[in-house]
Amino acid sequence: MSITIFSQDKQKKQDSNLEETTEHASENISNNTFLEEKTLDDFNSDTNISTERTDDSLPPAEIIKETLNLENELKETSEAEIRNNINKANSLSHTIKQERSTRKNLVSFAPKPIRAKFDSQMKDETIILMLRQHPITQLGKVLIIIIGIFFPIFLLTTHILEFLQLNYKIAAIIGWFLLLSGFTLETFLNWYFHVFFITDRRVIDVDFESMIYKDVSTAKLENIQDVSFITTGTLASLVDYGTVFLQTAGSQARIEFETVPHPAKVVKIINELIAQTRRGTYQKRRMG
């Protein structure tokens, strides 16, 4: 009888332990499920946050407005700098003051050029006048180019190339126009890059010889001792172009601005700049 009671008590303890084990397992499963749900919710929350941040990173109207304002400020700064340069040029030369500023680059006489710059230009250096050779001095080369354009037509109409086959005729005409294009490009580059600058500090003579060589001569205004010009020929007198000579005290004894427009006006502008420079130098020495 006692053995039976002991067996029943043992069976009850086993059943109780089994129930506790089952309850612990259920709690662990529910906890894991809760953690998984929480992790999933956190992931979704992070995803929503990142999505919201991505949406916030897109440029709203305020950012676009700030960008436009910045562009306007840069434009206003550039325009203010242009106005300052023009006012500075006007204060240095009475002759330049009477001239209108120039926005075009394909000109031979450009007072107060707005878009012109050169390699060795200093930060506060203002270009007063930019010069190139007068376009009429290129008239001979322009006539050669025009004649060269119509020359193949002349050869074809006069049957001079009749002894050649059609393929050779086409090749000869293509080769001719390639040579003519090279001559035209060289003519334009030599005129465009053969340029003279007169600034508030110095004069610069850029002699463009080829794509790989150019000769640059400079002279400070205070070192220029004499300025003169010469006009030769009826055409030069009618069209008003000539060569300006600058006698300097530096290593470059003389600088020449060849066949530039309005040589008398150029000499007058340079003399006014020299006078202003010497006056400013004298005042600095007196104050010092």
C-alpha atoms as a PDB file:
ATOM      1  CA  MET A   1       0.000   0.000   0.000  1.00  0.00           C
ATOM      2  CA  SER A   2       2.832   2.376   0.817  1.00  0.00           C
ATOM      3  CA  ILE A   3       4.541   1.531  -2.421  1.00  0.00           C
ATOM      4  CA  THR A   4       1.444   2.480  -4.363  1.00  0.00           C
ATOM      5  CA  ILE A   5       1.179   5.838  -2.611  1.00  0.00           C
ATOM      6  CA  PHE A   6       4.865   6.569  -3.285  1.00  0.00           C
ATOM      7  CA  SER A   7       4.408   5.761  -6.963  1.00  0.00           C
ATOM      8  CA  GLN A   8       1.422   8.062  -7.205  1.00  0.00           C
ATOM      9  CA  ASP A   9       3.379  10.920  -5.544  1.00  0.00           C
ATOM     10  CA  LYS A  10       6.271  10.363  -7.900  1.00  0.00           C
ATOM     11  CA  GLN A  11       3.926  10.396 -10.872  1.00  0.00           C
ATOM     12  CA  LYS A  12       2.393  13.670  -9.681  1.00  0.00           C
ATOM     13  CA  LYS A  13       5.858  15.279  -9.377  1.00  0.00           C
ATOM     14  CA  GLN A  14       6.764  14.170 -12.873  1.00  0.00           C
ATOM     15  CA  ASP A  15       3.494  15.567 -14.208  1.00  0.00           C
ATOM     16  CA  SER A  16       4.158  18.841 -12.374  1.00  0.00           C
ATOM     17  CA  ASN A  17       7.712  19.105 -13.752  1.00  0.00           C
ATOM     18  CA  LEU A  18       6.398  18.376 -17.236  1.00  0.00           C
ATOM     19  CA  GLU A  19       3.807  21.158 -16.929  1.00  0.00           C
ATOM     20  CA  GLU A  20       6.476  23.624 -15.691  1.00  0.00           C
ATOM     21  CA  THR A  21       8.741  22.675 -18.590  1.00  0.00           C
ATOM     22  CA  THR A  22       5.872  23.166 -21.018  1.00  0.00           C
ATOM     23  CA  GLU A  23       5.058  26.561 -19.511  1.00  0.00           C
ATOM     24  CA  HIS A  24       8.728  27.674 -19.728  1.00  0.00           C
ATOM     25  CA  ALA A  25       8.871  26.570 -23.339  1.00  0.00           C
ATOM     26  CA  SER A  26       5.675  28.462 -24.125  1.00  0.00           C
ATOM     27  CA  GLU A  27       7.051  31.580 -22.417  1.00  0.00           C
ATOM     28  CA  ASN A  28      10.295  31.318 -24.388  1.00  0.00           C
ATOM     29  CA  ILE A  29       8.385  30.917 -27.634  1.00  0.00           C
ATOM     30  CA  SER A  30       6.167  33.909 -26.831  1.00  0.00           C
ATOM     31  CA  ASN A  31       9.234  35.983 -25.832  1.00  0.00           C
ATOM     32  CA  ASN A  32      11.016  35.073 -29.056  1.00  0.00           C
ATOM     33  CA  THR A  33       7.889  35.913 -31.019  1.00  0.00           C
ATOM     34  CA  PHE A  34       7.669  39.236 -29.192  1.00  0.00           C
ATOM     35  CA  LEU A  35      11.342  39.988 -29.927  1.00  0.00           C
ATOM     36  CA  GLU A  36      10.880  39.077 -33.578  1.00  0.00           C
ATOM     37  CA  GLU A  37       7.807  41.306 -33.807  1.00  0.00           C
ATOM     38  CA  LYS A  38       9.656  44.112 -32.052  1.00  0.00           C
ATOM     39  CA  THR A  39      12.659  43.715 -34.339  1.00  0.00           C
ATOM     40  CA  LEU A  40      10.381  43.761 -37.367  1.00  0.00           C
ATOM     41  CA  ASP A  41       8.622  46.854 -36.060  1.00  0.00           C
ATOM     42  CA  ASP A  42      11.988  48.541 -35.416  1.00  0.00           C
ATOM     43  CA  PHE A  43      13.118  47.645 -38.934  1.00  0.00           C
ATOM     44  CA  ASN A  44       9.930  49.052 -40.416  1.00  0.00           C
ATOM     45  CA  SER A  45      10.331  52.143 -38.285  1.00  0.00           C
ATOM     46  CA  ASP A  46      13.958  52.599 -39.440  1.00  0.00           C
ATOM     47  CA  THR A  47      12.861  52.040 -43.009  1.00  0.00           C
ATOM     48  CA  ASN A  48      10.204  54.705 -42.646  1.00  0.00           C
ATOM     49  CA  ILE A  49      12.727  57.083 -41.105  1.00  0.00           C
ATOM     50  CA  SER A  50      15.243  56.499 -43.891  1.00  0.00           C
ATOM     51  CA  THR A  51      12.485  56.928 -46.441  1.00  0.00           C
ATOM     52  CA  GLU A  52      11.430  60.169 -44.806  1.00  0.00           C
ATOM     53  CA  ARG A  53      15.048  61.390 -44.781  1.00  0.00           C
ATOM     54  CA  THR A  54      15.393  60.454 -48.418  1.00  0.00           C
ATOM     55  CA  ASP A  55      12.267  62.429 -49.157  1.00  0.00           C
ATOM     56  CA  ASP A  56      13.652  65.357 -47.120  1.00  0.00           C
ATOM     57  CA  SER A  57      16.949  65.275 -49.102  1.00  0.00           C
ATOM     58  CA  LEU A  58      15.141  66.157 -52.319  1.00  0.00           C
ATOM     59  CA  PRO A  59      15.539  69.867 -53.231  1.00  0.00           C
ATOM     60  CA  PRO A  60      12.460  71.709 -51.974  1.00  0.00           C
ATOM     61  CA  ALA A  61      11.352  75.098 -53.169  1.00  0.00           C
ATOM     62  CA  GLU A  62      13.469  76.815 -50.503  1.00  0.00           C
ATOM     63  CA  ILE A  63      16.679  75.196 -51.724  1.00  0.00           C
ATOM     64  CA  ILE A  64      15.874  76.105 -55.324  1.00  0.00           C
ATOM     65  CA  LYS A  65      15.148  79.644 -54.189  1.00  0.00           C
ATOM     66  CA  GLU A  66      18.484  79.836 -52.344  1.00  0.00           C
ATOM     67  CA  THR A  67      20.289  78.530 -55.427  1.00  0.00           C
ATOM     68  CA  LEU A  68      18.677  81.197 -57.595  1.00  0.00           C
ATOM     69  CA  ASN A  69      19.555  83.851 -55.034  1.00  0.00           C
ATOM     70  CA  LEU A  70      23.185  82.677 -55.042  1.00  0.00           C
ATOM     71  CA  GLU A  71      23.314  82.840 -58.833  1.00  0.00           C
ATOM     72  CA  ASN A  72      21.862  86.343 -58.746  1.00  0.00           C
ATOM     73  CA  GLU A  73      24.438  87.395 -56.139  1.00  0.00           C
ATOM     74  CA  LEU A  74      27.282  86.039 -58.287  1.00  0.00           C
ATOM     75  CA  LYS A  75      25.851  87.835 -61.317  1.00  0.00           C
ATOM     76  CA  GLU A  76      25.515  91.065 -59.357  1.00  0.00           C
ATOM     77  CA  THR A  77      29.085  90.665 -58.079  1.00  0.00           C
ATOM     78  CA  SER A  78      30.359  90.178 -61.624  1.00  0.00           C
ATOM     79  CA  GLU A  79      28.411  93.201 -62.854  1.00  0.00           C
ATOM     80  CA  ALA A  80      29.706  95.262 -59.922  1.00  0.00           C
ATOM     81  CA  GLU A  81      33.264  94.242 -60.788  1.00  0.00           C
ATOM     82  CA  ILE A  82      32.685  95.242 -64.416  1.00  0.00           C
ATOM     83  CA  ARG A  83      31.330  98.633 -63.326  1.00  0.00           C
ATOM     84  CA  ASN A  84      34.319  99.151 -61.045  1.00  0.00           C
ATOM     85  CA  ASN A  85      36.739  98.376 -63.881  1.00  0.00           C
ATOM     86  CA  ILE A  86      34.928 100.758 -66.219  1.00  0.00           C
ATOM     87  CA  ASN A  87      34.906 103.525 -63.611  1.00  0.00           C
ATOM     88  CA  LYS A  88      38.584 102.936 -62.949  1.00  0.00           C
ATOM     89  CA  ALA A  89      39.410 103.184 -66.661  1.00  0.00           C
ATOM     90  CA  ASN A  90      37.346 106.367 -66.993  1.00  0.00           C
ATOM     91  CA  SER A  91      39.193 107.975 -64.087  1.00  0.00           C
ATOM     92  CA  LEU A  92      42.606 107.266 -65.630  1.00  0.00           C
ATOM     93  CA  SER A  93      42.027 108.600 -69.149  1.00  0.00           C
ATOM     94  CA  HIS A  94      39.746 111.336 -70.433  1.00  0.00           C
ATOM     95  CA  THR A  95      39.946 109.880 -73.948  1.00  0.00           C
ATOM     96  CA  ILE A  96      38.876 106.436 -72.727  1.00  0.00           C
ATOM     97  CA  LYS A  97      36.014 108.017 -70.784  1.00  0.00           C
ATOM     98  CA  GLN A  98      34.520 109.210 -74.062  1.00  0.00           C
ATOM     99  CA  GLU A  99      34.580 105.672 -75.512  1.00  0.00           C
ATOM    100  CA  ARG A 100      31.916 103.053 -74.923  1.00  0.00           C
ATOM    101  CA  SER A 101      32.862  99.732 -73.328  1.00  0.00           C
ATOM    102  CA  THR A 102      33.121  96.714 -75.618  1.00  0.00           C
ATOM    103  CA  ARG A 103      31.580  93.280 -75.122  1.00  0.00           C
ATOM    104  CA  LYS A 104      32.708  91.862 -78.482  1.00  0.00           C
ATOM    105  CA  ASN A 105      36.007  90.031 -78.877  1.00  0.00           C
ATOM    106  CA  LEU A 106      36.204  89.955 -82.686  1.00  0.00           C
ATOM    107  CA  VAL A 107      37.174  93.619 -82.987  1.00  0.00           C
ATOM    108  CA  SER A 108      40.459  95.392 -83.595  1.00  0.00           C
ATOM    109  CA  PHE A 109      39.811  98.425 -81.348  1.00  0.00           C
ATOM    110  CA  ALA A 110      38.215  97.535 -77.992  1.00  0.00           C
ATOM    111  CA  PRO A 111      38.178 100.233 -75.285  1.00  0.00           C
ATOM    112  CA  LYS A 112      37.279  98.953 -71.801  1.00  0.00           C
ATOM    113  CA  PRO A 113      36.777  95.346 -72.980  1.00  0.00           C
ATOM    114  CA  ILE A 114      34.496  93.419 -70.647  1.00  0.00           C
ATOM    115  CA  ARG A 115      35.289  89.829 -71.619  1.00  0.00           C
ATOM    116  CA  ALA A 116      38.975  90.174 -72.468  1.00  0.00           C
ATOM    117  CA  LYS A 117      41.679  88.551 -70.323  1.00  0.00           C
ATOM    118  CA  PHE A 118      45.269  87.418 -70.793  1.00  0.00           C
ATOM    119  CA  ASP A 119      47.511  84.831 -69.165  1.00  0.00           C
ATOM    120  CA  SER A 120      49.731  87.037 -67.000  1.00  0.00           C
ATOM    121  CA  GLN A 121      46.990  89.443 -65.913  1.00  0.00           C
ATOM    122  CA  MET A 122      47.277  90.414 -62.257  1.00  0.00           C
ATOM    123  CA  LYS A 123      44.392  90.284 -59.808  1.00  0.00           C
ATOM    124  CA  ASP A 124      43.657  94.026 -59.656  1.00  0.00           C
ATOM    125  CA  GLU A 125      44.907  94.850 -63.155  1.00  0.00           C
ATOM    126  CA  THR A 126      42.351  96.527 -65.417  1.00  0.00           C
ATOM    127  CA  ILE A 127      42.498  96.354 -69.211  1.00  0.00           C
ATOM    128  CA  ILE A 128      42.062  99.871 -70.570  1.00  0.00           C
ATOM    129  CA  LEU A 129      42.359  99.120 -74.278  1.00  0.00           C
ATOM    130  CA  MET A 130      42.739  95.999 -76.416  1.00  0.00           C
ATOM    131  CA  LEU A 131      44.082  96.264 -79.957  1.00  0.00           C
ATOM    132  CA  ARG A 132      44.556  94.049 -82.990  1.00  0.00           C
ATOM    133  CA  GLN A 133      45.747  94.777 -86.493  1.00  0.00           C
ATOM    134  CA  HIS A 134      43.216  96.640 -88.593  1.00  0.00           C
ATOM    135  CA  PRO A 135      41.021  94.154 -90.532  1.00  0.00           C
ATOM    136  CA  ILE A 136      41.824  95.854 -93.811  1.00  0.00           C
ATOM    137  CA  THR A 137      45.446  94.727 -93.442  1.00  0.00           C
ATOM    138  CA  GLN A 138      44.146  91.173 -93.939  1.00  0.00           C
ATOM    139  CA  LEU A 139      42.454  92.111 -97.211  1.00  0.00           C
ATOM    140  CA  GLY A 140      45.152  90.485 -99.369  1.00  0.00           C
ATOM    141  CA  LYS A 141      44.811  87.121 -97.597  1.00  0.00           C
ATOM    142  CA  VAL A 142      41.018  87.344 -97.745  1.00  0.00           C
ATOM    143  CA  LEU A 143      41.211  87.844-101.527  1.00  0.00           C
ATOM    144  CA  ILE A 144      43.498  84.814-101.806  1.00  0.00           C
ATOM    145  CA  ILE A 145      40.953  82.726 -99.881  1.00  0.00           C
ATOM    146  CA  ILE A 146      38.070  83.903-102.082  1.00  0.00           C
ATOM    147  CA  ILE A 147      40.021  83.150-105.248  1.00  0.00           C
ATOM    148  CA  GLY A 148      40.997  79.771-103.808  1.00  0.00           C
ATOM    149  CA  ILE A 149      37.339  78.870-103.263  1.00  0.00           C
ATOM    150  CA  PHE A 150      36.473  79.426-106.935  1.00  0.00           C
ATOM    151  CA  PHE A 151      39.744  78.079-108.369  1.00  0.00           C
ATOM    152  CA  PRO A 152      38.568  74.415-108.633  1.00  0.00           C
ATOM    153  CA  ILE A 153      35.453  75.588-110.496  1.00  0.00           C
ATOM    154  CA  PHE A 154      37.721  77.370-112.965  1.00  0.00           C
ATOM    155  CA  LEU A 155      39.779  74.221-113.478  1.00  0.00           C
ATOM    156  CA  LEU A 156      36.697  72.075-114.088  1.00  0.00           C
ATOM    157  CA  THR A 157      35.046  74.496-116.514  1.00  0.00           C
ATOM    158  CA  THR A 158      38.229  74.991-118.594  1.00  0.00           C
ATOM    159  CA  HIS A 159      38.788  71.220-118.927  1.00  0.00           C
ATOM    160  CA  ILE A 160      42.367  71.511-117.716  1.00  0.00           C
ATOM    161  CA  LEU A 161      41.962  68.366-115.638  1.00  0.00           C
ATOM    162  CA  GLU A 162      40.470  66.279-118.449  1.00  0.00           C
ATOM    163  CA  PHE A 163      43.513  63.986-118.549  1.00  0.00           C
ATOM    164  CA  LEU A 164      42.741  62.828-114.975  1.00  0.00           C
ATOM    165  CA  GLN A 165      40.245  60.161-114.051  1.00  0.00           C
ATOM    166  CA  LEU A 166      37.197  61.133-112.014  1.00  0.00           C
ATOM    167  CA  ASN A 167      38.577  59.643-108.781  1.00  0.00           C
ATOM    168  CA  TYR A 168      41.806  61.648-109.105  1.00  0.00           C
ATOM    169  CA  LYS A 169      39.828  64.801-109.848  1.00  0.00           C
ATOM    170  CA  ILE A 170      37.775  64.379-106.675  1.00  0.00           C
ATOM    171  CA  ALA A 171      40.896  63.658-104.615  1.00  0.00           C
ATOM    172  CA  ALA A 172      42.658  66.732-106.049  1.00  0.00           C
ATOM    173  CA  ILE A 173      39.695  69.006-105.263  1.00  0.00           C
ATOM    174  CA  ILE A 174      39.401  67.637-101.686  1.00  0.00           C
ATOM    175  CA  GLY A 175      43.130  68.118-101.140  1.00  0.00           C
ATOM    176  CA  TRP A 176      42.918  71.667-102.460  1.00  0.00           C
ATOM    177  CA  PHE A 177      40.105  72.609-100.078  1.00  0.00           C
ATOM    178  CA  LEU A 178      41.977  71.028 -97.153  1.00  0.00           C
ATOM    179  CA  LEU A 179      44.988  73.219 -97.920  1.00  0.00           C
ATOM    180  CA  LEU A 180      42.745  76.257 -98.306  1.00  0.00           C
ATOM    181  CA  SER A 181      41.037  75.500 -94.961  1.00  0.00           C
ATOM    182  CA  GLY A 182      44.433  75.287 -93.255  1.00  0.00           C
ATOM    183  CA  PHE A 183      45.499  78.604 -94.766  1.00  0.00           C
ATOM    184  CA  THR A 184      42.209  80.227 -93.682  1.00  0.00           C
ATOM    185  CA  LEU A 185      42.544  78.940 -90.117  1.00  0.00           C
ATOM    186  CA  GLU A 186      46.162  80.091 -89.881  1.00  0.00           C
ATOM    187  CA  THR A 187      45.212  83.537 -91.164  1.00  0.00           C
ATOM    188  CA  PHE A 188      42.450  83.928 -88.600  1.00  0.00           C
ATOM    189  CA  LEU A 189      44.544  82.663 -85.670  1.00  0.00           C
ATOM    190  CA  ASN A 190      47.454  84.943 -86.546  1.00  0.00           C
ATOM    191  CA  TRP A 191      45.120  87.945 -86.594  1.00  0.00           C
ATOM    192  CA  TYR A 192      43.086  86.964 -83.513  1.00  0.00           C
ATOM    193  CA  PHE A 193      45.986  86.110 -81.184  1.00  0.00           C
ATOM    194  CA  HIS A 194      48.336  88.842 -82.387  1.00  0.00           C
ATOM    195  CA  VAL A 195      46.977  91.238 -79.796  1.00  0.00           C
ATOM    196  CA  PHE A 196      48.067  94.295 -77.825  1.00  0.00           C
ATOM    197  CA  PHE A 197      46.881  95.180 -74.322  1.00  0.00           C
ATOM    198  CA  ILE A 198      47.105  98.503 -72.525  1.00  0.00           C
ATOM    199  CA  THR A 199      46.305  98.205 -68.827  1.00  0.00           C
ATOM    200  CA  ASP A 200      46.433 100.562 -65.872  1.00  0.00           C
ATOM    201  CA  ARG A 201      49.954  99.257 -65.091  1.00  0.00           C
ATOM    202  CA  ARG A 202      51.694  98.247 -68.319  1.00  0.00           C
ATOM    203  CA  VAL A 203      51.522  97.525 -72.035  1.00  0.00           C
ATOM    204  CA  ILE A 204      51.676  93.991 -73.464  1.00  0.00           C
ATOM    205  CA  ASP A 205      52.589  93.011 -77.028  1.00  0.00           C
ATOM    206  CA  VAL A 206      51.673  89.415 -77.939  1.00  0.00           C
ATOM    207  CA  ASP A 207      53.226  88.296 -81.237  1.00  0.00           C
ATOM    208  CA  PHE A 208      51.550  85.041 -82.227  1.00  0.00           C
ATOM    209  CA  GLU A 209      53.842  83.127 -84.564  1.00  0.00           C
ATOM    210  CA  SER A 210      52.249  79.668 -84.524  1.00  0.00           C
ATOM    211  CA  MET A 211      50.269  77.283 -82.314  1.00  0.00           C
ATOM    212  CA  ILE A 212      53.453  76.334 -80.430  1.00  0.00           C
ATOM    213  CA  TYR A 213      55.268  79.665 -80.288  1.00  0.00           C
ATOM    214  CA  LYS A 214      54.423  83.227 -79.302  1.00  0.00           C
ATOM    215  CA  ASP A 215      56.561  86.178 -78.255  1.00  0.00           C
ATOM    216  CA  VAL A 216      55.266  88.364 -75.413  1.00  0.00           C
ATOM    217  CA  SER A 217      56.829  91.756 -74.644  1.00  0.00           C
ATOM    218  CA  THR A 218      55.784  93.931 -71.701  1.00  0.00           C
ATOM    219  CA  ALA A 219      56.723  97.355 -70.363  1.00  0.00           C
ATOM    220  CA  LYS A 220      55.542  99.176 -67.271  1.00  0.00           C
ATOM    221  CA  LEU A 221      53.947 102.553 -67.855  1.00  0.00           C
ATOM    222  CA  GLU A 222      56.511 104.342 -65.678  1.00  0.00           C
ATOM    223  CA  ASN A 223      59.315 102.916 -67.831  1.00  0.00           C
ATOM    224  CA  ILE A 224      57.948 104.256 -71.127  1.00  0.00           C
ATOM    225  CA  GLN A 225      59.983 107.274 -72.184  1.00  0.00           C
ATOM    226  CA  ASP A 226      58.445 108.167 -75.531  1.00  0.00           C
ATOM    227  CA  VAL A 227      55.344 107.259 -77.541  1.00  0.00           C
ATOM    228  CA  SER A 228      54.942 107.966 -81.259  1.00  0.00           C
ATOM    229  CA  PHE A 229      53.181 106.598 -84.333  1.00  0.00           C
ATOM    230  CA  ILE A 230      53.591 106.487 -88.086  1.00  0.00           C
ATOM    231  CA  THR A 231      51.026 106.203 -90.883  1.00  0.00           C
ATOM    232  CA  THR A 232      52.208 105.289 -94.364  1.00  0.00           C
ATOM    233  CA  GLY A 233      50.201 105.106 -97.575  1.00  0.00           C
ATOM    234  CA  THR A 234      46.957 106.508 -98.857  1.00  0.00           C
ATOM    235  CA  LEU A 235      44.896 103.573 -97.636  1.00  0.00           C
ATOM    236  CA  ALA A 236      46.269 103.877 -94.091  1.00  0.00           C
ATOM    237  CA  SER A 237      45.421 107.586 -94.062  1.00  0.00           C
ATOM    238  CA  LEU A 238      41.894 106.999 -95.369  1.00  0.00           C
ATOM    239  CA  VAL A 239      41.057 104.122 -93.048  1.00  0.00           C
ATOM    240  CA  ASP A 240      43.067 105.535 -90.111  1.00  0.00           C
ATOM    241  CA  TYR A 241      45.531 102.872 -89.087  1.00  0.00           C
ATOM    242  CA  GLY A 242      49.231 102.934 -88.368  1.00  0.00           C
ATOM    243  CA  THR A 243      52.049 101.611 -86.190  1.00  0.00           C
ATOM    244  CA  VAL A 244      52.598 102.855 -82.635  1.00  0.00           C
ATOM    245  CA  PHE A 245      56.162 102.918 -81.234  1.00  0.00           C
ATOM    246  CA  LEU A 246      56.935 102.813 -77.507  1.00  0.00           C
ATOM    247  CA  GLN A 247      60.465 103.672 -76.403  1.00  0.00           C
ATOM    248  CA  THR A 248      61.222 102.102 -73.033  1.00  0.00           C
ATOM    249  CA  ALA A 249      64.033 102.122 -70.505  1.00  0.00           C
ATOM    250  CA  GLY A 250      63.966  98.349 -69.951  1.00  0.00           C
ATOM    251  CA  SER A 251      65.649  95.461 -71.709  1.00  0.00           C
ATOM    252  CA  GLN A 252      63.077  95.657 -74.508  1.00  0.00           C
ATOM    253  CA  ALA A 253      64.199  98.970 -75.997  1.00  0.00           C
ATOM    254  CA  ARG A 254      61.186  99.415 -78.281  1.00  0.00           C
ATOM    255  CA  ILE A 255      57.730  97.891 -78.513  1.00  0.00           C
ATOM    256  CA  GLU A 256      55.654  98.180 -81.679  1.00  0.00           C
ATOM    257  CA  PHE A 257      51.899  97.957 -82.138  1.00  0.00           C
ATOM    258  CA  GLU A 258      51.764  97.202 -85.864  1.00  0.00           C
ATOM    259  CA  THR A 259      48.979  98.552 -88.098  1.00  0.00           C
ATOM    260  CA  VAL A 260      46.462  99.213 -85.312  1.00  0.00           C
ATOM    261  CA  PRO A 261      43.345 101.387 -85.754  1.00  0.00           C
ATOM    262  CA  HIS A 262      43.332 105.037 -84.619  1.00  0.00           C
ATOM    263  CA  PRO A 263      47.054 105.314 -83.798  1.00  0.00           C
ATOM    264  CA  ALA A 264      46.782 108.978 -82.733  1.00  0.00           C
ATOM    265  CA  LYS A 265      44.074 108.086 -80.213  1.00  0.00           C
ATOM    266  CA  VAL A 266      46.144 105.167 -78.922  1.00  0.00           C
ATOM    267  CA  VAL A 267      49.143 107.443 -78.354  1.00  0.00           C
ATOM    268  CA  LYS A 268      46.969 109.948 -76.520  1.00  0.00           C
ATOM    269  CA  ILE A 269      45.533 107.243 -74.230  1.00  0.00           C
ATOM    270  CA  ILE A 270      48.994 105.885 -73.398  1.00  0.00           C
ATOM    271  CA  ASN A 271      50.310 109.381 -72.607  1.00  0.00           C
ATOM    272  CA  GLU A 272      47.346 110.046 -70.306  1.00  0.00           C
ATOM    273  CA  LEU A 273      47.947 106.763 -68.477  1.00  0.00           C
ATOM    274  CA  ILE A 274      51.651 107.543 -68.118  1.00  0.00           C
ATOM    275  CA  ALA A 275      50.825 110.970 -66.688  1.00  0.00           C
ATOM    276  CA  GLN A 276      48.394 109.457 -64.192  1.00  0.00           C
ATOM    277  CA  THR A 277      50.935 106.815 -63.174  1.00  0.00           C
ATOM    278  CA  ARG A 278      53.705 109.353 -62.619  1.00  0.00           C
ATOM    279  CA  ARG A 279      51.331 111.608 -60.708  1.00  0.00           C
ATOM    280  CA  GLY A 280      50.350 108.726 -58.436  1.00  0.00           C
ATOM    281  CA  THR A 281      53.993 107.749 -57.935  1.00  0.00           C
ATOM    282  CA  TYR A 282      54.883 111.332 -57.059  1.00  0.00           C
ATOM    283  CA  GLN A 283      52.060 111.557 -54.517  1.00  0.00           C
ATOM    284  CA  LYS A 284      53.125 108.295 -52.867  1.00  0.00           C
ATOM    285  CA  ARG A 285      56.701 109.473 -52.569  1.00  0.00           C
ATOM    286  CA  ARG A 286      55.555 112.806 -51.156  1.00  0.00           C
ATOM    287  CA  MET A 287      53.332 111.131 -48.580  1.00  0.00           C
ATOM    288  CA  GLY A 288      56.042 108.615 -47.725  1.00  0.00           C
END
